[in-house]
PDB file of N, CA and C in Angstrom:
ATOM      1  N   UNK A   1      14.256  63.223 -26.287  1.00  0.00           N
ATOM      2  CA  UNK A   1      13.118  63.289 -27.178  1.00  0.00           C
ATOM      3  C   UNK A   1      12.865  64.746 -27.539  1.00  0.00           C
ATOM      4  N   UNK A   2      12.575  64.992 -28.803  1.00  0.00           N
ATOM      5  CA  UNK A   2      12.272  66.340 -29.288  1.00  0.00           C
ATOM      6  C   UNK A   2      10.757  66.538 -29.343  1.00  0.00           C
ATOM      7  N   UNK A   3      10.341  67.787 -29.142  1.00  0.00           N
ATOM      8  CA  UNK A   3       8.923  68.125 -29.122  1.00  0.00           C
ATOM      9  C   UNK A   3       8.632  69.238 -30.108  1.00  0.00           C
ATOM     10  N   UNK A   4       7.383  69.284 -30.554  1.00  0.00           N
ATOM     11  CA  UNK A   4       6.927  70.366 -31.409  1.00  0.00           C
ATOM     12  C   UNK A   4       5.765  71.084 -30.740  1.00  0.00           C
ATOM     13  N   UNK A   5       5.606  72.339 -31.090  1.00  0.00           N
ATOM     14  CA  UNK A   5       4.531  73.170 -30.557  1.00  0.00           C
ATOM     15  C   UNK A   5       3.320  73.012 -31.465  1.00  0.00           C
ATOM     16  N   UNK A   6       2.160  72.703 -30.882  1.00  0.00           N
ATOM     17  CA  UNK A   6       0.913  72.583 -31.638  1.00  0.00           C
ATOM     18  C   UNK A   6      -0.094  73.559 -31.036  1.00  0.00           C
ATOM     19  N   UNK A   7      -0.486  74.565 -31.817  1.00  0.00           N
ATOM     20  CA  UNK A   7      -1.467  75.539 -31.327  1.00  0.00           C
ATOM     21  C   UNK A   7      -2.849  74.899 -31.323  1.00  0.00           C
ATOM     22  N   UNK A   8      -3.608  75.184 -30.269  1.00  0.00           N
ATOM     23  CA  UNK A   8      -4.933  74.595 -30.098  1.00  0.00           C
ATOM     24  C   UNK A   8      -5.954  75.679 -29.757  1.00  0.00           C
ATOM     25  N   UNK A   9      -7.212  75.356 -30.045  1.00  0.00           N
ATOM     26  CA  UNK A   9      -8.316  76.230 -29.655  1.00  0.00           C
ATOM     27  C   UNK A   9      -8.669  75.906 -28.210  1.00  0.00           C
ATOM     28  N   UNK A  10      -8.888  76.949 -27.403  1.00  0.00           N
ATOM     29  CA  UNK A  10      -9.193  76.767 -25.982  1.00  0.00           C
ATOM     30  C   UNK A  10     -10.351  77.685 -25.609  1.00  0.00           C
ATOM     31  N   UNK A  11     -11.331  77.132 -24.904  1.00  0.00           N
ATOM     32  CA  UNK A  11     -12.368  77.992 -24.338  1.00  0.00           C
ATOM     33  C   UNK A  11     -11.905  78.391 -22.950  1.00  0.00           C
ATOM     34  N   UNK A  12     -12.013  79.688 -22.653  1.00  0.00           N
ATOM     35  CA  UNK A  12     -11.474  80.231 -21.411  1.00  0.00           C
ATOM     36  C   UNK A  12     -12.571  80.929 -20.617  1.00  0.00           C
ATOM     37  N   UNK A  13     -12.542  80.724 -19.317  1.00  0.00           N
ATOM     38  CA  UNK A  13     -13.446  81.419 -18.397  1.00  0.00           C
ATOM     39  C   UNK A  13     -12.635  82.521 -17.710  1.00  0.00           C
ATOM     40  N   UNK A  14     -13.123  83.765 -17.790  1.00  0.00           N
ATOM     41  CA  UNK A  14     -12.460  84.877 -17.127  1.00  0.00           C
ATOM     42  C   UNK A  14     -13.135  85.103 -15.778  1.00  0.00           C
ATOM     43  N   UNK A  15     -12.345  85.110 -14.729  1.00  0.00           N
ATOM     44  CA  UNK A  15     -12.871  85.211 -13.369  1.00  0.00           C
ATOM     45  C   UNK A  15     -13.022  86.667 -12.932  1.00  0.00           C
ATOM     46  N   UNK A  16     -14.060  86.969 -12.170  1.00  0.00           N
ATOM     47  CA  UNK A  16     -14.266  88.346 -11.715  1.00  0.00           C
ATOM     48  C   UNK A  16     -13.157  88.785 -10.769  1.00  0.00           C
ATOM     49  N   UNK A  17     -12.513  87.818 -10.086  1.00  0.00           N
ATOM     50  CA  UNK A  17     -11.404  88.126  -9.180  1.00  0.00           C
ATOM     51  C   UNK A  17     -10.119  88.405  -9.953  1.00  0.00           C
ATOM     52  N   UNK A  18     -10.163  88.129 -11.242  1.00  0.00           N
ATOM     53  CA  UNK A  18      -8.989  88.282 -12.091  1.00  0.00           C
ATOM     54  C   UNK A  18      -8.469  86.920 -12.500  1.00  0.00           C
ATOM     55  N   UNK A  19      -7.783  86.887 -13.579  1.00  0.00           N
ATOM     56  CA  UNK A  19      -7.231  85.634 -14.079  1.00  0.00           C
ATOM     57  C   UNK A  19      -8.178  84.940 -15.034  1.00  0.00           C
ATOM     58  N   UNK A  20      -7.664  83.871 -15.616  1.00  0.00           N
ATOM     59  CA  UNK A  20      -8.465  83.093 -16.564  1.00  0.00           C
ATOM     60  C   UNK A  20      -8.200  81.620 -16.349  1.00  0.00           C
ATOM     61  N   UNK A  21      -9.187  80.811 -16.661  1.00  0.00           N
ATOM     62  CA  UNK A  21      -9.086  79.366 -16.496  1.00  0.00           C
ATOM     63  C   UNK A  21      -9.579  78.682 -17.765  1.00  0.00           C
ATOM     64  N   UNK A  22      -8.746  77.840 -18.375  1.00  0.00           N
ATOM     65  CA  UNK A  22      -9.205  77.095 -19.548  1.00  0.00           C
ATOM     66  C   UNK A  22     -10.281  76.088 -19.157  1.00  0.00           C
ATOM     67  N   UNK A  23     -11.276  75.908 -20.024  1.00  0.00           N
ATOM     68  CA  UNK A  23     -12.397  75.001 -19.775  1.00  0.00           C
ATOM     69  C   UNK A  23     -12.260  73.729 -20.608  1.00  0.00           C
ATOM     70  N   UNK A  24     -11.946  73.898 -21.891  1.00  0.00           N
ATOM     71  CA  UNK A  24     -11.726  72.756 -22.780  1.00  0.00           C
ATOM     72  C   UNK A  24     -10.702  73.099 -23.842  1.00  0.00           C
ATOM     73  N   UNK A  25     -10.145  72.029 -24.442  1.00  0.00           N
ATOM     74  CA  UNK A  25      -9.158  72.150 -25.512  1.00  0.00           C
ATOM     75  C   UNK A  25      -9.723  71.442 -26.736  1.00  0.00           C
ATOM     76  N   UNK A  26      -9.578  72.074 -27.902  1.00  0.00           N
ATOM     77  CA  UNK A  26     -10.038  71.461 -29.140  1.00  0.00           C
ATOM     78  C   UNK A  26      -8.839  71.186 -30.037  1.00  0.00           C
ATOM     79  N   UNK A  27      -8.649  69.938 -30.398  1.00  0.00           N
ATOM     80  CA  UNK A  27      -7.549  69.508 -31.261  1.00  0.00           C
ATOM     81  C   UNK A  27      -7.844  69.908 -32.703  1.00  0.00           C
ATOM     82  N   UNK A  28      -6.822  69.861 -33.549  1.00  0.00           N
ATOM     83  CA  UNK A  28      -6.983  70.224 -34.960  1.00  0.00           C
ATOM     84  C   UNK A  28      -7.996  69.341 -35.683  1.00  0.00           C
ATOM     85  N   UNK A  29      -8.131  68.089 -35.229  1.00  0.00           N
ATOM     86  CA  UNK A  29      -9.065  67.160 -35.881  1.00  0.00           C
ATOM     87  C   UNK A  29     -10.505  67.311 -35.372  1.00  0.00           C
ATOM     88  N   UNK A  30     -10.733  68.295 -34.495  1.00  0.00           N
ATOM     89  CA  UNK A  30     -12.081  68.576 -34.012  1.00  0.00           C
ATOM     90  C   UNK A  30     -12.447  67.946 -32.682  1.00  0.00           C
ATOM     91  N   UNK A  31     -11.612  67.021 -32.189  1.00  0.00           N
ATOM     92  CA  UNK A  31     -11.912  66.410 -30.889  1.00  0.00           C
ATOM     93  C   UNK A  31     -11.774  67.451 -29.787  1.00  0.00           C
ATOM     94  N   UNK A  32     -12.709  67.409 -28.837  1.00  0.00           N
ATOM     95  CA  UNK A  32     -12.738  68.371 -27.740  1.00  0.00           C
ATOM     96  C   UNK A  32     -12.540  67.624 -26.429  1.00  0.00           C
ATOM     97  N   UNK A  33     -11.645  68.136 -25.580  1.00  0.00           N
ATOM     98  CA  UNK A  33     -11.355  67.516 -24.294  1.00  0.00           C
ATOM     99  C   UNK A  33     -11.622  68.518 -23.179  1.00  0.00           C
ATOM    100  N   UNK A  34     -12.506  68.143 -22.260  1.00  0.00           N
ATOM    101  CA  UNK A  34     -12.809  69.009 -21.131  1.00  0.00           C
ATOM    102  C   UNK A  34     -11.762  68.838 -20.044  1.00  0.00           C
ATOM    103  N   UNK A  35     -11.363  69.942 -19.459  1.00  0.00           N
ATOM    104  CA  UNK A  35     -10.339  69.939 -18.420  1.00  0.00           C
ATOM    105  C   UNK A  35     -10.989  69.551 -17.106  1.00  0.00           C
ATOM    106  N   UNK A  36     -10.488  68.481 -16.508  1.00  0.00           N
ATOM    107  CA  UNK A  36     -11.059  67.947 -15.269  1.00  0.00           C
ATOM    108  C   UNK A  36     -10.606  68.734 -14.045  1.00  0.00           C
ATOM    109  N   UNK A  37      -9.350  69.171 -14.054  1.00  0.00           N
ATOM    110  CA  UNK A  37      -8.804  69.879 -12.896  1.00  0.00           C
ATOM    111  C   UNK A  37      -7.581  70.669 -13.335  1.00  0.00           C
ATOM    112  N   UNK A  38      -7.410  71.853 -12.763  1.00  0.00           N
ATOM    113  CA  UNK A  38      -6.183  72.623 -12.952  1.00  0.00           C
ATOM    114  C   UNK A  38      -5.399  72.503 -11.661  1.00  0.00           C
ATOM    115  N   UNK A  39      -4.205  71.941 -11.756  1.00  0.00           N
ATOM    116  CA  UNK A  39      -3.390  71.691 -10.568  1.00  0.00           C
ATOM    117  C   UNK A  39      -2.466  72.857 -10.232  1.00  0.00           C
ATOM    118  N   UNK A  40      -1.813  73.417 -11.251  1.00  0.00           N
ATOM    119  CA  UNK A  40      -0.863  74.517 -11.039  1.00  0.00           C
ATOM    120  C   UNK A  40      -0.923  75.482 -12.208  1.00  0.00           C
ATOM    121  N   UNK A  41      -0.638  76.749 -11.899  1.00  0.00           N
ATOM    122  CA  UNK A  41      -0.487  77.775 -12.927  1.00  0.00           C
ATOM    123  C   UNK A  41       0.794  78.515 -12.581  1.00  0.00           C
ATOM    124  N   UNK A  42       1.748  78.529 -13.530  1.00  0.00           N
ATOM    125  CA  UNK A  42       3.040  79.143 -13.243  1.00  0.00           C
ATOM    126  C   UNK A  42       3.733  79.555 -14.534  1.00  0.00           C
ATOM    127  N   UNK A  43       4.659  80.483 -14.424  1.00  0.00           N
ATOM    128  CA  UNK A  43       5.539  80.806 -15.549  1.00  0.00           C
ATOM    129  C   UNK A  43       6.600  79.722 -15.584  1.00  0.00           C
ATOM    130  N   UNK A  44       6.708  79.050 -16.703  1.00  0.00           N
ATOM    131  CA  UNK A  44       7.684  77.960 -16.827  1.00  0.00           C
ATOM    132  C   UNK A  44       8.078  77.797 -18.278  1.00  0.00           C
ATOM    133  N   UNK A  45       9.309  77.421 -18.500  1.00  0.00           N
ATOM    134  CA  UNK A  45       9.767  77.242 -19.872  1.00  0.00           C
ATOM    135  C   UNK A  45       9.147  75.991 -20.487  1.00  0.00           C
ATOM    136  N   UNK A  46       9.009  76.047 -21.787  1.00  0.00           N
ATOM    137  CA  UNK A  46       8.491  74.907 -22.547  1.00  0.00           C
ATOM    138  C   UNK A  46       9.675  74.180 -23.190  1.00  0.00           C
ATOM    139  N   UNK A  47       9.433  72.959 -23.640  1.00  0.00           N
ATOM    140  CA  UNK A  47      10.476  72.196 -24.327  1.00  0.00           C
ATOM    141  C   UNK A  47      10.604  72.608 -25.785  1.00  0.00           C
ATOM    142  N   UNK A  48       9.739  73.499 -26.218  1.00  0.00           N
ATOM    143  CA  UNK A  48       9.787  74.044 -27.578  1.00  0.00           C
ATOM    144  C   UNK A  48      10.104  75.528 -27.473  1.00  0.00           C
ATOM    145  N   UNK A  49      10.412  76.163 -28.567  1.00  0.00           N
ATOM    146  CA  UNK A  49      10.756  77.578 -28.546  1.00  0.00           C
ATOM    147  C   UNK A  49       9.582  78.452 -28.144  1.00  0.00           C
ATOM    148  N   UNK A  50       9.725  79.146 -27.020  1.00  0.00           N
ATOM    149  CA  UNK A  50       8.686  80.041 -26.538  1.00  0.00           C
ATOM    150  C   UNK A  50       9.315  80.955 -25.485  1.00  0.00           C
ATOM    151  N   UNK A  51       8.803  82.185 -25.384  1.00  0.00           N
ATOM    152  CA  UNK A  51       9.351  83.139 -24.430  1.00  0.00           C
ATOM    153  C   UNK A  51       8.588  83.046 -23.113  1.00  0.00           C
ATOM    154  N   UNK A  52       9.058  82.213 -22.201  1.00  0.00           N
ATOM    155  CA  UNK A  52       8.514  81.998 -20.862  1.00  0.00           C
ATOM    156  C   UNK A  52       6.979  82.100 -20.794  1.00  0.00           C
ATOM    157  N   UNK A  53       6.301  81.102 -21.340  1.00  0.00           N
ATOM    158  CA  UNK A  53       4.836  81.109 -21.334  1.00  0.00           C
ATOM    159  C   UNK A  53       4.272  80.807 -19.943  1.00  0.00           C
ATOM    160  N   UNK A  54       2.972  80.962 -19.817  1.00  0.00           N
ATOM    161  CA  UNK A  54       2.266  80.541 -18.607  1.00  0.00           C
ATOM    162  C   UNK A  54       1.907  79.072 -18.815  1.00  0.00           C
ATOM    163  N   UNK A  55       2.357  78.232 -17.889  1.00  0.00           N
ATOM    164  CA  UNK A  55       2.101  76.789 -18.014  1.00  0.00           C
ATOM    165  C   UNK A  55       0.991  76.380 -17.051  1.00  0.00           C
ATOM    166  N   UNK A  56      -0.023  75.740 -17.603  1.00  0.00           N
ATOM    167  CA  UNK A  56      -1.120  75.185 -16.821  1.00  0.00           C
ATOM    168  C   UNK A  56      -0.883  73.680 -16.723  1.00  0.00           C
ATOM    169  N   UNK A  57      -0.712  73.185 -15.511  1.00  0.00           N
ATOM    170  CA  UNK A  57      -0.627  71.744 -15.292  1.00  0.00           C
ATOM    171  C   UNK A  57      -2.038  71.304 -14.968  1.00  0.00           C
ATOM    172  N   UNK A  58      -2.576  70.406 -15.775  1.00  0.00           N
ATOM    173  CA  UNK A  58      -3.984  70.055 -15.614  1.00  0.00           C
ATOM    174  C   UNK A  58      -4.215  68.564 -15.814  1.00  0.00           C
ATOM    175  N   UNK A  59      -5.393  68.141 -15.425  1.00  0.00           N
ATOM    176  CA  UNK A  59      -5.826  66.759 -15.629  1.00  0.00           C
ATOM    177  C   UNK A  59      -6.752  66.745 -16.833  1.00  0.00           C
ATOM    178  N   UNK A  60      -6.401  65.871 -17.773  1.00  0.00           N
ATOM    179  CA  UNK A  60      -7.124  65.762 -19.030  1.00  0.00           C
ATOM    180  C   UNK A  60      -7.221  64.285 -19.370  1.00  0.00           C
ATOM    181  N   UNK A  61      -8.422  63.749 -19.389  1.00  0.00           N
ATOM    182  CA  UNK A  61      -8.600  62.326 -19.669  1.00  0.00           C
ATOM    183  C   UNK A  61      -7.951  61.440 -18.618  1.00  0.00           C
ATOM    184  N   UNK A  62      -7.937  61.909 -17.378  1.00  0.00           N
ATOM    185  CA  UNK A  62      -7.360  61.134 -16.288  1.00  0.00           C
ATOM    186  C   UNK A  62      -5.836  61.180 -16.219  1.00  0.00           C
ATOM    187  N   UNK A  63      -5.207  62.002 -17.072  1.00  0.00           N
ATOM    188  CA  UNK A  63      -3.747  62.093 -17.105  1.00  0.00           C
ATOM    189  C   UNK A  63      -3.301  63.537 -16.908  1.00  0.00           C
ATOM    190  N   UNK A  64      -2.149  63.703 -16.295  1.00  0.00           N
ATOM    191  CA  UNK A  64      -1.592  65.036 -16.100  1.00  0.00           C
ATOM    192  C   UNK A  64      -0.944  65.508 -17.402  1.00  0.00           C
ATOM    193  N   UNK A  65      -1.314  66.704 -17.839  1.00  0.00           N
ATOM    194  CA  UNK A  65      -0.811  67.283 -19.087  1.00  0.00           C
ATOM    195  C   UNK A  65      -0.441  68.742 -18.861  1.00  0.00           C
ATOM    196  N   UNK A  66       0.346  69.293 -19.795  1.00  0.00           N
ATOM    197  CA  UNK A  66       0.686  70.713 -19.772  1.00  0.00           C
ATOM    198  C   UNK A  66      -0.031  71.422 -20.912  1.00  0.00           C
ATOM    199  N   UNK A  67      -0.546  72.608 -20.611  1.00  0.00           N
ATOM    200  CA  UNK A  67      -1.127  73.503 -21.597  1.00  0.00           C
ATOM    201  C   UNK A  67      -0.442  74.845 -21.392  1.00  0.00           C
ATOM    202  N   UNK A  68       0.003  75.472 -22.472  1.00  0.00           N
ATOM    203  CA  UNK A  68       0.755  76.719 -22.370  1.00  0.00           C
ATOM    204  C   UNK A  68      -0.007  77.871 -23.008  1.00  0.00           C
ATOM    205  N   UNK A  69       0.171  79.053 -22.395  1.00  0.00           N
ATOM    206  CA  UNK A  69      -0.397  80.285 -22.945  1.00  0.00           C
ATOM    207  C   UNK A  69       0.741  81.270 -23.170  1.00  0.00           C
ATOM    208  N   UNK A  70       0.821  81.808 -24.387  1.00  0.00           N
ATOM    209  CA  UNK A  70       1.826  82.808 -24.723  1.00  0.00           C
ATOM    210  C   UNK A  70       1.157  84.189 -24.738  1.00  0.00           C
ATOM    211  N   UNK A  71       1.350  84.994 -23.685  1.00  0.00           N
ATOM    212  CA  UNK A  71       0.691  86.304 -23.622  1.00  0.00           C
ATOM    213  C   UNK A  71       1.056  87.237 -24.779  1.00  0.00           C
ATOM    214  N   UNK A  72       2.294  87.166 -25.256  1.00  0.00           N
ATOM    215  CA  UNK A  72       2.733  88.056 -26.334  1.00  0.00           C
ATOM    216  C   UNK A  72       1.936  87.820 -27.612  1.00  0.00           C
ATOM    217  N   UNK A  73       1.658  86.552 -27.927  1.00  0.00           N
ATOM    218  CA  UNK A  73       0.905  86.197 -29.136  1.00  0.00           C
ATOM    219  C   UNK A  73      -0.577  85.955 -28.859  1.00  0.00           C
ATOM    220  N   UNK A  74      -0.939  85.871 -27.580  1.00  0.00           N
ATOM    221  CA  UNK A  74      -2.301  85.551 -27.151  1.00  0.00           C
ATOM    222  C   UNK A  74      -2.769  84.248 -27.796  1.00  0.00           C
ATOM    223  N   UNK A  75      -1.894  83.203 -27.717  1.00  0.00           N
ATOM    224  CA  UNK A  75      -2.217  81.894 -28.292  1.00  0.00           C
ATOM    225  C   UNK A  75      -1.878  80.795 -27.292  1.00  0.00           C
ATOM    226  N   UNK A  76      -2.606  79.687 -27.418  1.00  0.00           N
ATOM    227  CA  UNK A  76      -2.421  78.512 -26.580  1.00  0.00           C
ATOM    228  C   UNK A  76      -1.729  77.426 -27.393  1.00  0.00           C
ATOM    229  N   UNK A  77      -0.911  76.595 -26.698  1.00  0.00           N
ATOM    230  CA  UNK A  77      -0.298  75.465 -27.379  1.00  0.00           C
ATOM    231  C   UNK A  77      -0.043  74.309 -26.420  1.00  0.00           C
ATOM    232  N   UNK A  78       0.113  73.148 -27.017  1.00  0.00           N
ATOM    233  CA  UNK A  78       0.548  71.942 -26.295  1.00  0.00           C
ATOM    234  C   UNK A  78       1.813  71.467 -26.992  1.00  0.00           C
ATOM    235  N   UNK A  79       2.564  70.625 -26.309  1.00  0.00           N
ATOM    236  CA  UNK A  79       3.765  70.049 -26.888  1.00  0.00           C
ATOM    237  C   UNK A  79       3.479  68.593 -27.224  1.00  0.00           C
ATOM    238  N   UNK A  80       3.893  68.188 -28.413  1.00  0.00           N
ATOM    239  CA  UNK A  80       3.745  66.793 -28.801  1.00  0.00           C
ATOM    240  C   UNK A  80       5.097  66.259 -29.255  1.00  0.00           C
ATOM    241  N   UNK A  81       5.382  64.993 -28.975  1.00  0.00           N
ATOM    242  CA  UNK A  81       6.657  64.428 -29.403  1.00  0.00           C
ATOM    243  C   UNK A  81       6.755  64.387 -30.921  1.00  0.00           C
ATOM    244  N   UNK A  82       7.950  64.659 -31.421  1.00  0.00           N
ATOM    245  CA  UNK A  82       8.189  64.548 -32.860  1.00  0.00           C
ATOM    246  C   UNK A  82       8.518  63.099 -33.170  1.00  0.00           C
ATOM    247  N   UNK A  83       7.754  62.520 -34.093  1.00  0.00           N
ATOM    248  CA  UNK A  83       7.961  61.142 -34.497  1.00  0.00           C
ATOM    249  C   UNK A  83       9.143  61.084 -35.464  1.00  0.00           C
ATOM    250  N   UNK A  84      10.157  60.350 -35.083  1.00  0.00           N
ATOM    251  CA  UNK A  84      11.342  60.216 -35.937  1.00  0.00           C
ATOM    252  C   UNK A  84      11.144  59.065 -36.908  1.00  0.00           C
ATOM    253  N   UNK A  85      11.453  59.322 -38.168  1.00  0.00           N
ATOM    254  CA  UNK A  85      11.327  58.304 -39.211  1.00  0.00           C
ATOM    255  C   UNK A  85      12.636  57.521 -39.275  1.00  0.00           C
ATOM    256  N   UNK A  86      12.519  56.226 -39.282  1.00  0.00           N
ATOM    257  CA  UNK A  86      13.728  55.379 -39.350  1.00  0.00           C
ATOM    258  C   UNK A  86      13.888  54.802 -40.715  1.00  0.00           C
TER     259      UNK A  86
END
């Protein structure tokens, strides 16, 4: 399955100890999803073209999802499957 990169708006909390934690994600259509839990934060490759982003494994709507941060561009993205037309 092929994936595409979709940039999203993210509200971020900056911690006094250092680091940042996403609070919610806003989709292009305006829907906002609050992050229930952050399980892991690590440098990991994405299935789309990106230079080793920071991957947040989180719980969103009761499901485990990935949210990526690209420090070079200072932008957030999610991966969505590309719908193939038959």
